[in-house]
Structure formats: C-alpha cells, structure tokens
Protein backbone atom coordinates (compact mmCIF):
# COMPACT_ATOMS: atom_id res chain seq x y z
CA MET A 1 92.54 -94.52 27.42
CA ASP A 2 93.32 -94.66 23.21
CA LYS A 3 93.66 -98.01 20.88
CA PRO A 4 96.33 -100.54 21.51
CA HIS A 5 98.58 -99.41 19.34
CA GLN A 6 98.15 -100.67 15.66
CA PRO A 7 95.69 -103.07 16.59
CA PHE A 8 94.67 -102.77 12.63
CA ALA A 9 97.76 -102.16 10.75
CA ASP A 10 96.15 -104.40 7.69
CA GLY A 11 94.12 -100.98 6.23
CA THR A 12 90.90 -101.06 5.45
CA PRO A 13 90.39 -104.78 4.02
CA ASN A 14 86.49 -105.07 5.06
CA LEU A 15 86.59 -102.28 3.04
CA SER A 16 84.78 -102.63 -0.78
CA GLU A 17 86.92 -99.31 -2.31
CA PRO A 18 84.27 -98.40 -4.82
CA HIS A 19 81.39 -97.20 -2.30
CA PHE A 20 83.46 -95.51 0.44
CA GLU A 21 83.99 -91.58 -1.25
CA VAL A 22 86.16 -89.89 1.84
CA PRO A 23 84.17 -87.01 2.66
CA THR A 24 86.23 -83.74 1.41
CA PRO A 25 85.19 -79.85 2.34
CA ALA A 26 83.32 -79.61 -0.77
CA HIS A 27 80.22 -81.58 -0.30
CA LEU A 28 80.19 -80.46 3.83
CA GLU A 29 79.03 -77.69 4.42
CA SER A 30 80.53 -75.85 7.76
CA ARG A 31 79.20 -73.11 9.18
CA GLU A 32 82.57 -71.98 11.13
CA HIS A 33 85.92 -72.99 10.07
CA LEU A 34 87.35 -75.61 11.88
CA THR A 35 91.46 -75.50 12.42
CA HIS A 36 91.45 -78.68 13.34
CA ALA A 37 90.10 -82.57 12.51
CA PRO A 38 87.50 -83.38 13.70
CA ARG A 39 87.80 -85.20 17.20
CA PHE A 40 85.09 -88.97 17.66
CA LEU A 41 85.39 -90.35 21.60
CA ILE A 42 84.47 -94.44 21.08
CA LEU A 43 82.66 -95.90 23.90
CA TYR A 44 82.41 -99.09 24.42
CA GLY A 45 79.87 -101.35 27.20
CA SER A 46 82.06 -104.48 27.93
CA LEU A 47 84.95 -105.47 30.09
CA ARG A 48 85.93 -108.49 28.04
CA GLU A 49 88.74 -109.45 26.42
CA ARG A 50 87.26 -109.95 23.70
CA SER A 51 85.06 -108.81 23.12
CA PHE A 52 81.89 -107.68 20.18
CA SER A 53 81.16 -104.52 21.61
CA ARG A 54 85.03 -103.80 21.66
CA PHE A 55 86.08 -105.13 17.85
CA LEU A 56 82.92 -103.29 16.76
CA ALA A 57 84.57 -99.47 18.34
CA TYR A 58 88.05 -100.46 16.13
CA GLU A 59 86.44 -100.79 13.64
CA ALA A 60 84.61 -97.48 14.06
CA ALA A 61 87.74 -96.03 14.59
CA ARG A 62 89.37 -96.90 11.18
CA LEU A 63 86.50 -95.86 9.47
CA LEU A 64 86.98 -92.37 11.30
CA GLU A 65 90.49 -91.87 11.00
CA ARG A 66 90.42 -93.02 7.12
CA MET A 67 87.09 -90.15 6.71
CA SER A 68 90.83 -87.73 8.53
CA GLY A 69 88.59 -87.91 11.74
CA GLU A 70 90.68 -87.65 15.47
CA VAL A 71 90.33 -91.00 17.68
CA ARG A 72 90.01 -91.89 20.83
CA ILE A 73 88.10 -94.76 22.64
CA TYR A 74 87.79 -95.13 26.00
CA HIS A 75 88.10 -97.81 28.32
CA ALA A 76 86.09 -98.83 30.72
CA HIS A 77 88.86 -100.55 33.26
CA GLY A 78 88.63 -99.07 36.43
CA LEU A 79 86.06 -96.39 36.43
CA PRO A 80 83.45 -96.51 39.72
CA LEU A 81 80.04 -97.32 39.60
CA PRO A 82 78.41 -93.51 39.64
CA ASP A 83 77.98 -93.53 43.48
CA ASP A 84 81.08 -95.45 44.22
CA ALA A 85 83.02 -92.52 44.10
CA THR A 86 83.30 -89.10 43.78
CA ALA A 87 84.11 -87.20 40.74
CA ASP A 88 87.22 -86.34 41.02
CA HIS A 89 88.65 -89.88 40.81
CA PRO A 90 91.19 -90.80 37.49
CA LYS A 91 89.21 -92.75 35.64
CA VAL A 92 86.42 -90.17 36.02
CA GLN A 93 88.07 -87.29 34.93
CA GLU A 94 89.87 -89.49 32.00
CA LEU A 95 86.06 -90.06 30.94
CA ARG A 96 84.81 -86.35 31.58
CA ASN A 97 87.79 -85.00 30.07
CA LEU A 98 87.98 -87.27 26.51
CA SER A 99 83.92 -85.75 26.47
CA LEU A 100 84.57 -82.12 26.86
CA TRP A 101 87.31 -82.09 24.39
CA SER A 102 85.05 -84.64 21.52
CA GLU A 103 82.94 -83.44 19.67
CA GLY A 104 80.89 -86.55 17.98
CA GLN A 105 80.85 -89.94 19.92
CA VAL A 106 80.20 -93.37 18.57
CA TRP A 107 78.47 -95.60 21.65
CA VAL A 108 78.56 -99.34 21.05
CA SER A 109 77.14 -101.76 23.48
CA PRO A 110 76.31 -105.72 24.24
CA GLU A 111 72.49 -106.26 24.38
CA ARG A 112 71.24 -106.69 27.78
CA HIS A 113 68.18 -107.43 29.19
CA GLY A 114 66.89 -106.25 26.43
CA ASN A 115 69.44 -102.85 27.49
CA LEU A 116 72.68 -101.36 27.37
CA THR A 117 75.36 -103.17 29.50
CA GLY A 118 76.05 -101.78 33.36
CA VAL A 119 78.89 -100.87 32.12
CA MET A 120 77.79 -98.25 28.97
CA LYS A 121 75.22 -97.53 32.10
CA SER A 122 78.07 -96.32 33.81
CA GLN A 123 80.47 -94.40 31.32
CA ILE A 124 76.46 -92.87 30.49
CA ASP A 125 76.06 -91.29 34.33
CA TRP A 126 80.34 -90.34 33.91
CA LEU A 127 79.14 -87.93 31.45
CA PRO A 128 79.26 -84.39 32.55
CA LEU A 129 76.95 -82.53 31.72
CA SER A 130 77.38 -79.62 34.07
CA GLU A 131 79.58 -78.82 32.54
CA GLY A 132 78.64 -78.72 28.34
CA SER A 133 78.25 -82.85 27.60
CA LEU A 134 75.43 -83.94 26.03
CA ARG A 135 73.67 -86.84 26.47
CA PRO A 136 72.38 -89.37 23.35
CA THR A 137 68.41 -87.58 24.89
CA GLN A 138 69.25 -84.53 23.98
CA MET A 139 71.14 -85.39 20.33
CA ASN A 140 69.50 -85.87 16.98
CA SER A 141 70.79 -88.96 16.32
CA GLY A 142 70.05 -92.29 16.45
CA PRO A 143 71.23 -96.63 16.18
CA ALA A 144 73.17 -97.38 12.74
CA GLY A 145 69.93 -99.24 10.63
CA SER A 146 67.11 -98.01 12.52
C-alpha cells in the first residue's frame, strides 16, 4: 500500500532550495479548517520492478510530503481486471478505501500506443464512483506541462 521503507532517506537532493517554497497557511485560502494534513493517493501504471513511473511516483510522494502532505502509494500487483472479480476482492477494497480516504490524487503512467497502460486503466476502472470518487473527466485538473 505505502512506499517502501525509506527508499529516499537522502532527502530531496534534486530540489533547488532557492526555488522551492513550502506552502504555509498564509499562502493558501481554505474554505474549511482541516484538522489533518492534505491526503494524497498516488497511482502508477506499471508492474515492472524497475519502473520509471514508479520512480516518478516516489518523487511526487517526496515533494508532497515535503509540503506537509500525507501520502499513500497504491501498488497494483494482484489487482484483478475489472471483469475478472467482484468489488469485494482485497486489492479492489484496498484501492477503493484509499481513493475515498484521499483528497487529491496523482496518476503516473507510461504511454503505451498513445494511451494509458492497462494497469493504470484497471485502477481507474475500479474507482468507486458510486461512493463519491471522481474520474479525471469530472475534475478540474490536467497533465503536468499542459
């Protein structure tokens, strides 16, 4: 469920400190007072052991944690295809619970034939829309650099 034990204990060596500013409450306008750190779920679309998508997901986790966010990374190993199992499968339940827990999500996927990978698509298809989760077409967000 979460990132491995301290895979990035070296801090944030790729970060340019003069160009990085940790958000403070004064920088943010909040509509409601939160009693916890912002919660982020990170999904990545590869099962390979040496996956650049996973590496990028860990880097995003480091930055979000550095900005005082609470981060969970979902690992899709063992997640069934949407038509091969029911929603009570343990990996589906884990994904759905994390999705409902999160207040923001970061999706990282390699491009395969001009689209998301099947691993990423399966994760998206299992999101619990009937329980309040949103798909990207329902959100105000977009890919980085667009």
